[in-house]
Amino acid sequence: MKFKEGELVWIASAFEGSTHHEPPALIIKVYQDKPKIFLCNEKENEYWLEKEDLGMGWVYDILINGEVDEAVLSEWLIPFEINLS
């Protein structure tokens, strides 16, 4: 488990993994399950999980922009840090 409930994280950019999207997200639940790329399309989700060779592991439910995203893979998250320089 990389993150804990209550921590803030950034969402990693799909195109440039070292950059992130704003605002930060709040980890609200941590558990083991398959990640969800598509929240409302189980068939497409299974296709992409197989294509990317992803299976069971630690996933996170996050709160971002007032909405909950379920089963987010830790590789899609960046630890929250504020750069004041």
C-alpha atoms as a PDB file:
ATOM      1  CA  MET A   1       0.000   0.000   0.000  1.00  0.00           C
ATOM      2  CA  LYS A   2       1.526   3.282  -1.149  1.00  0.00           C
ATOM      3  CA  PHE A   3      -1.017   5.767   0.246  1.00  0.00           C
ATOM      4  CA  LYS A   4      -3.241   5.901   3.338  1.00  0.00           C
ATOM      5  CA  GLU A   5      -6.797   7.111   3.868  1.00  0.00           C
ATOM      6  CA  GLY A   6      -6.865  10.859   4.456  1.00  0.00           C
ATOM      7  CA  GLU A   7      -3.796  11.642   2.345  1.00  0.00           C
ATOM      8  CA  LEU A   8      -3.830  14.133  -0.510  1.00  0.00           C
ATOM      9  CA  VAL A   9      -2.498  13.066  -3.910  1.00  0.00           C
ATOM     10  CA  TRP A  10      -2.137  14.497  -7.382  1.00  0.00           C
ATOM     11  CA  ILE A  11      -3.555  12.710 -10.428  1.00  0.00           C
ATOM     12  CA  ALA A  12      -0.722  11.807 -12.803  1.00  0.00           C
ATOM     13  CA  SER A  13      -0.927  12.998 -16.375  1.00  0.00           C
ATOM     14  CA  ALA A  14      -1.643  10.184 -18.839  1.00  0.00           C
ATOM     15  CA  PHE A  15       0.894  11.659 -21.247  1.00  0.00           C
ATOM     16  CA  GLU A  16       3.665  12.816 -18.914  1.00  0.00           C
ATOM     17  CA  GLY A  17       3.853  10.769 -15.713  1.00  0.00           C
ATOM     18  CA  SER A  18       5.938  13.300 -13.781  1.00  0.00           C
ATOM     19  CA  THR A  19       3.342  16.059 -14.219  1.00  0.00           C
ATOM     20  CA  HIS A  20      -0.071  16.170 -12.610  1.00  0.00           C
ATOM     21  CA  HIS A  21      -3.575  17.527 -12.912  1.00  0.00           C
ATOM     22  CA  GLU A  22      -5.083  19.894 -10.374  1.00  0.00           C
ATOM     23  CA  PRO A  23      -6.767  20.047  -7.912  1.00  0.00           C
ATOM     24  CA  PRO A  24      -5.375  17.433  -5.521  1.00  0.00           C
ATOM     25  CA  ALA A  25      -7.531  14.446  -4.590  1.00  0.00           C
ATOM     26  CA  LEU A  26      -8.282  12.954  -1.164  1.00  0.00           C
ATOM     27  CA  ILE A  27      -7.782   9.221  -0.535  1.00  0.00           C
ATOM     28  CA  ILE A  28     -11.044   8.056   1.065  1.00  0.00           C
ATOM     29  CA  LYS A  29     -10.676   4.255   0.898  1.00  0.00           C
ATOM     30  CA  VAL A  30      -7.840   1.746   0.410  1.00  0.00           C
ATOM     31  CA  TYR A  31      -8.453  -1.899  -0.540  1.00  0.00           C
ATOM     32  CA  GLN A  32      -7.346  -4.730  -2.822  1.00  0.00           C
ATOM     33  CA  ASP A  33      -9.262  -5.158  -6.074  1.00  0.00           C
ATOM     34  CA  LYS A  34      -8.863  -4.788  -9.817  1.00  0.00           C
ATOM     35  CA  PRO A  35      -8.351  -1.183 -10.956  1.00  0.00           C
ATOM     36  CA  LYS A  36     -11.158   0.501 -12.851  1.00  0.00           C
ATOM     37  CA  ILE A  37     -10.161   2.361 -15.978  1.00  0.00           C
ATOM     38  CA  PHE A  38     -13.803   2.725 -17.020  1.00  0.00           C
ATOM     39  CA  LEU A  39     -16.195   3.091 -14.079  1.00  0.00           C
ATOM     40  CA  CYS A  40     -19.386   2.280 -15.979  1.00  0.00           C
ATOM     41  CA  ASN A  41     -18.208  -0.150 -18.663  1.00  0.00           C
ATOM     42  CA  GLU A  42     -17.116  -3.463 -17.156  1.00  0.00           C
ATOM     43  CA  LYS A  43     -16.515  -5.135 -20.533  1.00  0.00           C
ATOM     44  CA  GLU A  44     -14.193  -2.366 -21.753  1.00  0.00           C
ATOM     45  CA  ASN A  45     -12.487  -2.263 -18.343  1.00  0.00           C
ATOM     46  CA  GLU A  46     -11.704  -5.998 -18.494  1.00  0.00           C
ATOM     47  CA  TYR A  47     -10.370  -5.594 -22.057  1.00  0.00           C
ATOM     48  CA  TRP A  48      -7.940  -2.825 -21.035  1.00  0.00           C
ATOM     49  CA  LEU A  49      -6.864  -4.577 -17.830  1.00  0.00           C
ATOM     50  CA  GLU A  50      -5.959  -7.634 -19.867  1.00  0.00           C
ATOM     51  CA  LYS A  51      -4.245  -5.544 -22.557  1.00  0.00           C
ATOM     52  CA  GLU A  52      -2.178  -3.677 -19.937  1.00  0.00           C
ATOM     53  CA  ASP A  53      -1.574  -6.893 -17.945  1.00  0.00           C
ATOM     54  CA  LEU A  54      -3.126  -5.432 -14.793  1.00  0.00           C
ATOM     55  CA  GLY A  55      -4.786  -7.531 -12.110  1.00  0.00           C
ATOM     56  CA  MET A  56      -5.608  -7.503  -8.410  1.00  0.00           C
ATOM     57  CA  GLY A  57      -3.658  -5.110  -6.226  1.00  0.00           C
ATOM     58  CA  TRP A  58      -3.947  -2.094  -3.959  1.00  0.00           C
ATOM     59  CA  VAL A  59      -6.417   0.458  -5.289  1.00  0.00           C
ATOM     60  CA  TYR A  60      -7.809   3.701  -3.941  1.00  0.00           C
ATOM     61  CA  ASP A  61     -11.150   5.443  -3.942  1.00  0.00           C
ATOM     62  CA  ILE A  62     -10.491   9.165  -4.229  1.00  0.00           C
ATOM     63  CA  LEU A  63     -12.555  12.311  -3.887  1.00  0.00           C
ATOM     64  CA  ILE A  64     -11.749  14.905  -6.551  1.00  0.00           C
ATOM     65  CA  ASN A  65     -13.799  17.886  -7.678  1.00  0.00           C
ATOM     66  CA  GLY A  66     -16.693  16.692  -5.508  1.00  0.00           C
ATOM     67  CA  GLU A  67     -16.853  13.274  -7.208  1.00  0.00           C
ATOM     68  CA  VAL A  68     -15.617   9.837  -6.168  1.00  0.00           C
ATOM     69  CA  ASP A  69     -13.400   7.833  -8.510  1.00  0.00           C
ATOM     70  CA  GLU A  70     -13.257   4.138  -7.589  1.00  0.00           C
ATOM     71  CA  ALA A  71     -10.413   1.615  -7.731  1.00  0.00           C
ATOM     72  CA  VAL A  72      -7.663   4.010  -8.843  1.00  0.00           C
ATOM     73  CA  LEU A  73      -4.272   2.352  -9.309  1.00  0.00           C
ATOM     74  CA  SER A  74      -1.388   3.842  -7.296  1.00  0.00           C
ATOM     75  CA  GLU A  75       0.617   4.282 -10.508  1.00  0.00           C
ATOM     76  CA  TRP A  76      -1.946   6.901 -11.543  1.00  0.00           C
ATOM     77  CA  LEU A  77      -1.306   8.946  -8.373  1.00  0.00           C
ATOM     78  CA  ILE A  78       1.570  11.210  -7.298  1.00  0.00           C
ATOM     79  CA  PRO A  79       2.296  12.061  -3.645  1.00  0.00           C
ATOM     80  CA  PHE A  80       1.031  15.538  -2.742  1.00  0.00           C
ATOM     81  CA  GLU A  81       3.789  18.103  -2.341  1.00  0.00           C
ATOM     82  CA  ILE A  82       3.694  21.857  -2.512  1.00  0.00           C
ATOM     83  CA  ASN A  83       6.559  23.496  -4.372  1.00  0.00           C
ATOM     84  CA  LEU A  84       7.013  27.016  -2.995  1.00  0.00           C
ATOM     85  CA  SER A  85       9.983  27.929  -5.160  1.00  0.00           C
END
